[in-house]
Amino acid sequence: MIKKLGFALTTATFVLASHQAMALSVSANAGDESFGVDASQAILPGLRAGVGYLNTDDSGHNAKAYSGSLMFSPYLPGIDLAVGGRYQYQDTHYGNGGGLGLGGSAFVATPIPLTSVGAYGFYTPEGLSHGDLEKSYEYGAQVRVNLVSQTYLYGGYRYFRSDFENEDAQTLDSGPMLGVSIGF
């Protein structure tokens, strides 16, 4: 009985300790005609929930995108991989609507110390959208430089395009961007 209780206590300690290590992450980024903020929190080991906001004038009209995501990050040595879903609602001049996008990100370390490179992408197909939004995709490439534990600078390229009902496809944001991510 004492061994079982000791095992249960040890397991609970490790679970609580790992939960404490799951940091809140907040990031902010800006491009030529855009800015965005994101926050994410690990809710279980390997599972993160996040929210985000993007404001862009790149298309000649103001567009806002609000998002919520759930991403799975399996442990893989040498690669920072995340896959999952992101619901995004777009409030634009061309129409309003949202949908569930599927995608993820992958980053790998470089020979340059504390530096990694990678890419991300999300695709929202017509079958998973509502409102005026028919389909949407966003992708980008980034270089990240780790400053201190859980804090890094990043720069790269973002491309964000959506198709709206009775409208041609619209590029809502494209171009270089810089940002910082801070973990707590």
C-alpha atoms as a PDB file:
ATOM      1  CA  MET A   1       0.000   0.000   0.000  1.00  0.00           C
ATOM      2  CA  ILE A   2       2.803   2.429   0.894  1.00  0.00           C
ATOM      3  CA  LYS A   3       4.563   1.664  -2.413  1.00  0.00           C
ATOM      4  CA  LYS A   4       1.354   2.415  -4.344  1.00  0.00           C
ATOM      5  CA  LEU A   5       0.833   5.646  -2.425  1.00  0.00           C
ATOM      6  CA  GLY A   6       4.472   6.637  -2.993  1.00  0.00           C
ATOM      7  CA  PHE A   7       4.149   5.896  -6.721  1.00  0.00           C
ATOM      8  CA  ALA A   8       0.927   7.931  -6.941  1.00  0.00           C
ATOM      9  CA  LEU A   9       2.527  10.848  -5.080  1.00  0.00           C
ATOM     10  CA  THR A  10       5.620  10.748  -7.292  1.00  0.00           C
ATOM     11  CA  THR A  11       3.499  10.644 -10.439  1.00  0.00           C
ATOM     12  CA  ALA A  12       1.354  13.549  -9.234  1.00  0.00           C
ATOM     13  CA  THR A  13       4.492  15.548  -8.428  1.00  0.00           C
ATOM     14  CA  PHE A  14       5.873  15.021 -11.936  1.00  0.00           C
ATOM     15  CA  VAL A  15       2.544  15.929 -13.530  1.00  0.00           C
ATOM     16  CA  LEU A  16       2.283  19.133 -11.492  1.00  0.00           C
ATOM     17  CA  ALA A  17       5.934  20.005 -12.120  1.00  0.00           C
ATOM     18  CA  SER A  18       5.508  19.530 -15.859  1.00  0.00           C
ATOM     19  CA  HIS A  19       2.354  21.647 -15.786  1.00  0.00           C
ATOM     20  CA  GLN A  20       4.269  24.460 -14.071  1.00  0.00           C
ATOM     21  CA  ALA A  21       6.877  24.274 -16.834  1.00  0.00           C
ATOM     22  CA  MET A  22       4.199  24.834 -19.484  1.00  0.00           C
ATOM     23  CA  ALA A  23       4.681  28.537 -20.063  1.00  0.00           C
ATOM     24  CA  LEU A  24       2.378  31.158 -21.426  1.00  0.00           C
ATOM     25  CA  SER A  25       3.808  32.573 -24.636  1.00  0.00           C
ATOM     26  CA  VAL A  26       2.963  36.037 -25.994  1.00  0.00           C
ATOM     27  CA  SER A  27       4.200  37.347 -29.326  1.00  0.00           C
ATOM     28  CA  ALA A  28       3.824  40.528 -31.337  1.00  0.00           C
ATOM     29  CA  ASN A  29       4.752  41.105 -34.962  1.00  0.00           C
ATOM     30  CA  ALA A  30       4.584  43.858 -37.537  1.00  0.00           C
ATOM     31  CA  GLY A  31       4.947  44.156 -41.278  1.00  0.00           C
ATOM     32  CA  ASP A  32       4.902  47.109 -43.640  1.00  0.00           C
ATOM     33  CA  GLU A  33       1.129  47.536 -43.356  1.00  0.00           C
ATOM     34  CA  SER A  34       0.188  45.005 -40.671  1.00  0.00           C
ATOM     35  CA  PHE A  35       0.528  44.118 -37.031  1.00  0.00           C
ATOM     36  CA  GLY A  36      -0.524  41.144 -34.983  1.00  0.00           C
ATOM     37  CA  VAL A  37      -0.481  39.664 -31.503  1.00  0.00           C
ATOM     38  CA  ASP A  38      -0.746  36.044 -30.405  1.00  0.00           C
ATOM     39  CA  ALA A  39      -0.864  34.241 -27.076  1.00  0.00           C
ATOM     40  CA  SER A  40      -0.709  30.525 -26.397  1.00  0.00           C
ATOM     41  CA  GLN A  41      -0.716  28.307 -23.333  1.00  0.00           C
ATOM     42  CA  ALA A  42       0.135  24.647 -22.972  1.00  0.00           C
ATOM     43  CA  ILE A  43      -2.929  22.905 -21.575  1.00  0.00           C
ATOM     44  CA  LEU A  44      -1.422  19.396 -21.510  1.00  0.00           C
ATOM     45  CA  PRO A  45       2.038  18.144 -22.379  1.00  0.00           C
ATOM     46  CA  GLY A  46       2.257  18.408 -26.169  1.00  0.00           C
ATOM     47  CA  LEU A  47      -1.025  20.329 -26.544  1.00  0.00           C
ATOM     48  CA  ARG A  48      -1.282  24.137 -26.820  1.00  0.00           C
ATOM     49  CA  ALA A  49      -4.289  26.439 -27.100  1.00  0.00           C
ATOM     50  CA  GLY A  50      -3.876  29.891 -28.584  1.00  0.00           C
ATOM     51  CA  VAL A  51      -5.617  33.090 -29.618  1.00  0.00           C
ATOM     52  CA  GLY A  52      -4.545  35.707 -32.132  1.00  0.00           C
ATOM     53  CA  TYR A  53      -5.355  38.991 -33.820  1.00  0.00           C
ATOM     54  CA  LEU A  54      -4.062  40.398 -37.123  1.00  0.00           C
ATOM     55  CA  ASN A  55      -4.779  43.869 -38.512  1.00  0.00           C
ATOM     56  CA  THR A  56      -3.656  44.623 -42.065  1.00  0.00           C
ATOM     57  CA  ASP A  57      -4.106  47.337 -44.684  1.00  0.00           C
ATOM     58  CA  ASP A  58      -2.037  45.555 -47.344  1.00  0.00           C
ATOM     59  CA  SER A  59      -5.000  45.067 -49.715  1.00  0.00           C
ATOM     60  CA  GLY A  60      -5.833  48.779 -49.767  1.00  0.00           C
ATOM     61  CA  HIS A  61      -8.627  48.233 -47.261  1.00  0.00           C
ATOM     62  CA  ASN A  62      -8.455  47.417 -43.575  1.00  0.00           C
ATOM     63  CA  ALA A  63      -8.874  43.739 -42.701  1.00  0.00           C
ATOM     64  CA  LYS A  64      -8.980  42.153 -39.272  1.00  0.00           C
ATOM     65  CA  ALA A  65      -8.559  38.469 -38.477  1.00  0.00           C
ATOM     66  CA  TYR A  66      -9.368  36.912 -35.069  1.00  0.00           C
ATOM     67  CA  SER A  67      -8.252  33.361 -34.410  1.00  0.00           C
ATOM     68  CA  GLY A  68      -8.267  30.528 -31.900  1.00  0.00           C
ATOM     69  CA  SER A  69      -6.143  27.413 -32.279  1.00  0.00           C
ATOM     70  CA  LEU A  70      -5.453  24.006 -30.800  1.00  0.00           C
ATOM     71  CA  MET A  71      -2.061  22.574 -31.763  1.00  0.00           C
ATOM     72  CA  PHE A  72      -0.415  19.222 -31.039  1.00  0.00           C
ATOM     73  CA  SER A  73       3.397  19.207 -30.699  1.00  0.00           C
ATOM     74  CA  PRO A  74       4.837  15.698 -30.509  1.00  0.00           C
ATOM     75  CA  TYR A  75       8.310  15.278 -29.107  1.00  0.00           C
ATOM     76  CA  LEU A  76      10.694  14.894 -32.040  1.00  0.00           C
ATOM     77  CA  PRO A  77      14.437  15.349 -31.503  1.00  0.00           C
ATOM     78  CA  GLY A  78      15.869  18.083 -33.721  1.00  0.00           C
ATOM     79  CA  ILE A  79      12.555  19.469 -34.964  1.00  0.00           C
ATOM     80  CA  ASP A  80       9.938  21.752 -33.435  1.00  0.00           C
ATOM     81  CA  LEU A  81       6.735  20.478 -35.066  1.00  0.00           C
ATOM     82  CA  ALA A  82       3.130  21.516 -34.429  1.00  0.00           C
ATOM     83  CA  VAL A  83      -0.012  20.333 -36.253  1.00  0.00           C
ATOM     84  CA  GLY A  84      -3.640  21.134 -35.611  1.00  0.00           C
ATOM     85  CA  GLY A  85      -6.557  23.384 -36.332  1.00  0.00           C
ATOM     86  CA  ARG A  86      -7.218  27.093 -36.215  1.00  0.00           C
ATOM     87  CA  TYR A  87     -10.594  28.795 -36.372  1.00  0.00           C
ATOM     88  CA  GLN A  88     -10.264  32.246 -37.919  1.00  0.00           C
ATOM     89  CA  TYR A  89     -12.906  34.956 -38.359  1.00  0.00           C
ATOM     90  CA  GLN A  90     -12.162  37.655 -40.959  1.00  0.00           C
ATOM     91  CA  ASP A  91     -13.740  41.113 -40.905  1.00  0.00           C
ATOM     92  CA  THR A  92     -12.847  42.753 -44.232  1.00  0.00           C
ATOM     93  CA  HIS A  93     -14.034  45.205 -46.872  1.00  0.00           C
ATOM     94  CA  TYR A  94     -14.677  42.231 -49.166  1.00  0.00           C
ATOM     95  CA  GLY A  95     -16.851  40.282 -46.741  1.00  0.00           C
ATOM     96  CA  ASN A  96     -17.062  38.786 -43.279  1.00  0.00           C
ATOM     97  CA  GLY A  97     -16.827  35.148 -42.364  1.00  0.00           C
ATOM     98  CA  GLY A  98     -14.725  32.467 -40.828  1.00  0.00           C
ATOM     99  CA  GLY A  99     -13.701  28.893 -40.956  1.00  0.00           C
ATOM    100  CA  LEU A 100     -11.597  26.088 -39.592  1.00  0.00           C
ATOM    101  CA  GLY A 101      -8.122  25.960 -41.059  1.00  0.00           C
ATOM    102  CA  LEU A 102      -5.858  22.945 -40.876  1.00  0.00           C
ATOM    103  CA  GLY A 103      -2.102  23.270 -40.773  1.00  0.00           C
ATOM    104  CA  GLY A 104       0.935  23.658 -38.605  1.00  0.00           C
ATOM    105  CA  SER A 105       4.572  24.622 -38.397  1.00  0.00           C
ATOM    106  CA  ALA A 106       8.014  23.053 -38.456  1.00  0.00           C
ATOM    107  CA  PHE A 107      11.331  24.571 -37.318  1.00  0.00           C
ATOM    108  CA  VAL A 108      14.815  23.059 -37.284  1.00  0.00           C
ATOM    109  CA  ALA A 109      18.017  24.239 -35.658  1.00  0.00           C
ATOM    110  CA  THR A 110      20.781  25.645 -37.854  1.00  0.00           C
ATOM    111  CA  PRO A 111      24.561  25.415 -37.422  1.00  0.00           C
ATOM    112  CA  ILE A 112      24.380  29.013 -36.169  1.00  0.00           C
ATOM    113  CA  PRO A 113      23.976  28.824 -32.365  1.00  0.00           C
ATOM    114  CA  LEU A 114      20.498  29.650 -30.972  1.00  0.00           C
ATOM    115  CA  THR A 115      19.062  30.066 -34.496  1.00  0.00           C
ATOM    116  CA  SER A 116      16.353  28.025 -36.203  1.00  0.00           C
ATOM    117  CA  VAL A 117      14.549  28.231 -39.533  1.00  0.00           C
ATOM    118  CA  GLY A 118      11.124  27.017 -40.473  1.00  0.00           C
ATOM    119  CA  ALA A 119       7.756  27.599 -42.001  1.00  0.00           C
ATOM    120  CA  TYR A 120       4.086  27.536 -41.116  1.00  0.00           C
ATOM    121  CA  GLY A 121       0.838  27.337 -43.009  1.00  0.00           C
ATOM    122  CA  PHE A 122      -2.935  27.030 -42.615  1.00  0.00           C
ATOM    123  CA  TYR A 123      -5.558  26.218 -45.231  1.00  0.00           C
ATOM    124  CA  THR A 124      -9.288  26.763 -44.724  1.00  0.00           C
ATOM    125  CA  PRO A 125     -11.222  24.866 -47.425  1.00  0.00           C
ATOM    126  CA  GLU A 126     -14.642  25.861 -48.689  1.00  0.00           C
ATOM    127  CA  GLY A 127     -16.344  23.011 -46.820  1.00  0.00           C
ATOM    128  CA  LEU A 128     -15.141  24.306 -43.442  1.00  0.00           C
ATOM    129  CA  SER A 129     -16.000  27.990 -43.908  1.00  0.00           C
ATOM    130  CA  HIS A 130     -19.079  30.128 -43.302  1.00  0.00           C
ATOM    131  CA  GLY A 131     -20.349  33.624 -44.026  1.00  0.00           C
ATOM    132  CA  ASP A 132     -18.834  35.405 -47.027  1.00  0.00           C
ATOM    133  CA  LEU A 133     -15.533  33.510 -46.723  1.00  0.00           C
ATOM    134  CA  GLU A 134     -15.192  30.704 -49.259  1.00  0.00           C
ATOM    135  CA  LYS A 135     -11.608  29.622 -48.626  1.00  0.00           C
ATOM    136  CA  SER A 136      -8.426  31.058 -47.195  1.00  0.00           C
ATOM    137  CA  TYR A 137      -4.770  30.258 -46.823  1.00  0.00           C
ATOM    138  CA  GLU A 138      -1.865  31.757 -44.938  1.00  0.00           C
ATOM    139  CA  TYR A 139       1.742  30.650 -44.988  1.00  0.00           C
ATOM    140  CA  GLY A 140       5.119  32.013 -44.116  1.00  0.00           C
ATOM    141  CA  ALA A 141       8.795  31.330 -43.561  1.00  0.00           C
ATOM    142  CA  GLN A 142      10.770  32.529 -40.554  1.00  0.00           C
ATOM    143  CA  VAL A 143      14.181  32.698 -38.943  1.00  0.00           C
ATOM    144  CA  ARG A 144      14.129  32.636 -35.132  1.00  0.00           C
ATOM    145  CA  VAL A 145      16.978  33.731 -32.857  1.00  0.00           C
ATOM    146  CA  ASN A 146      16.710  32.624 -29.236  1.00  0.00           C
ATOM    147  CA  LEU A 147      17.657  35.478 -26.881  1.00  0.00           C
ATOM    148  CA  VAL A 148      17.079  33.796 -23.521  1.00  0.00           C
ATOM    149  CA  SER A 149      15.036  30.822 -22.395  1.00  0.00           C
ATOM    150  CA  GLN A 150      11.603  30.918 -24.100  1.00  0.00           C
ATOM    151  CA  THR A 151      12.232  34.368 -25.639  1.00  0.00           C
ATOM    152  CA  TYR A 152      13.181  34.907 -29.263  1.00  0.00           C
ATOM    153  CA  LEU A 153      13.188  37.400 -32.111  1.00  0.00           C
ATOM    154  CA  TYR A 154      11.870  36.291 -35.470  1.00  0.00           C
ATOM    155  CA  GLY A 155      11.705  37.646 -38.966  1.00  0.00           C
ATOM    156  CA  GLY A 156      10.401  36.313 -42.212  1.00  0.00           C
ATOM    157  CA  TYR A 157       7.744  36.507 -44.878  1.00  0.00           C
ATOM    158  CA  ARG A 158       3.949  36.151 -44.527  1.00  0.00           C
ATOM    159  CA  TYR A 159       1.369  35.590 -47.283  1.00  0.00           C
ATOM    160  CA  PHE A 160      -2.364  35.682 -46.463  1.00  0.00           C
ATOM    161  CA  ARG A 161      -5.026  35.303 -49.166  1.00  0.00           C
ATOM    162  CA  SER A 162      -8.788  34.733 -49.009  1.00  0.00           C
ATOM    163  CA  ASP A 163     -11.613  34.090 -51.449  1.00  0.00           C
ATOM    164  CA  PHE A 164     -14.917  35.763 -50.620  1.00  0.00           C
ATOM    165  CA  GLU A 165     -18.386  35.192 -52.031  1.00  0.00           C
ATOM    166  CA  ASN A 166     -18.998  37.318 -55.174  1.00  0.00           C
ATOM    167  CA  GLU A 167     -15.421  38.696 -55.008  1.00  0.00           C
ATOM    168  CA  ASP A 168     -12.144  37.778 -56.607  1.00  0.00           C
ATOM    169  CA  ALA A 169      -9.436  36.281 -54.413  1.00  0.00           C
ATOM    170  CA  GLN A 170      -7.901  39.009 -52.250  1.00  0.00           C
ATOM    171  CA  THR A 171      -4.364  39.140 -50.874  1.00  0.00           C
ATOM    172  CA  LEU A 172      -4.948  40.531 -47.393  1.00  0.00           C
ATOM    173  CA  ASP A 173      -1.270  40.577 -46.377  1.00  0.00           C
ATOM    174  CA  SER A 174       2.041  39.782 -48.014  1.00  0.00           C
ATOM    175  CA  GLY A 175       5.577  40.784 -47.298  1.00  0.00           C
ATOM    176  CA  PRO A 176       8.317  40.785 -44.701  1.00  0.00           C
ATOM    177  CA  MET A 177       7.561  40.900 -40.986  1.00  0.00           C
ATOM    178  CA  LEU A 178       9.462  41.114 -37.697  1.00  0.00           C
ATOM    179  CA  GLY A 179       8.376  39.991 -34.258  1.00  0.00           C
ATOM    180  CA  VAL A 180       9.269  38.986 -30.752  1.00  0.00           C
ATOM    181  CA  SER A 181       7.943  36.105 -28.647  1.00  0.00           C
ATOM    182  CA  ILE A 182       8.222  36.079 -24.867  1.00  0.00           C
ATOM    183  CA  GLY A 183       7.551  33.047 -22.698  1.00  0.00           C
ATOM    184  CA  PHE A 184       6.542  33.308 -19.043  1.00  0.00           C
END
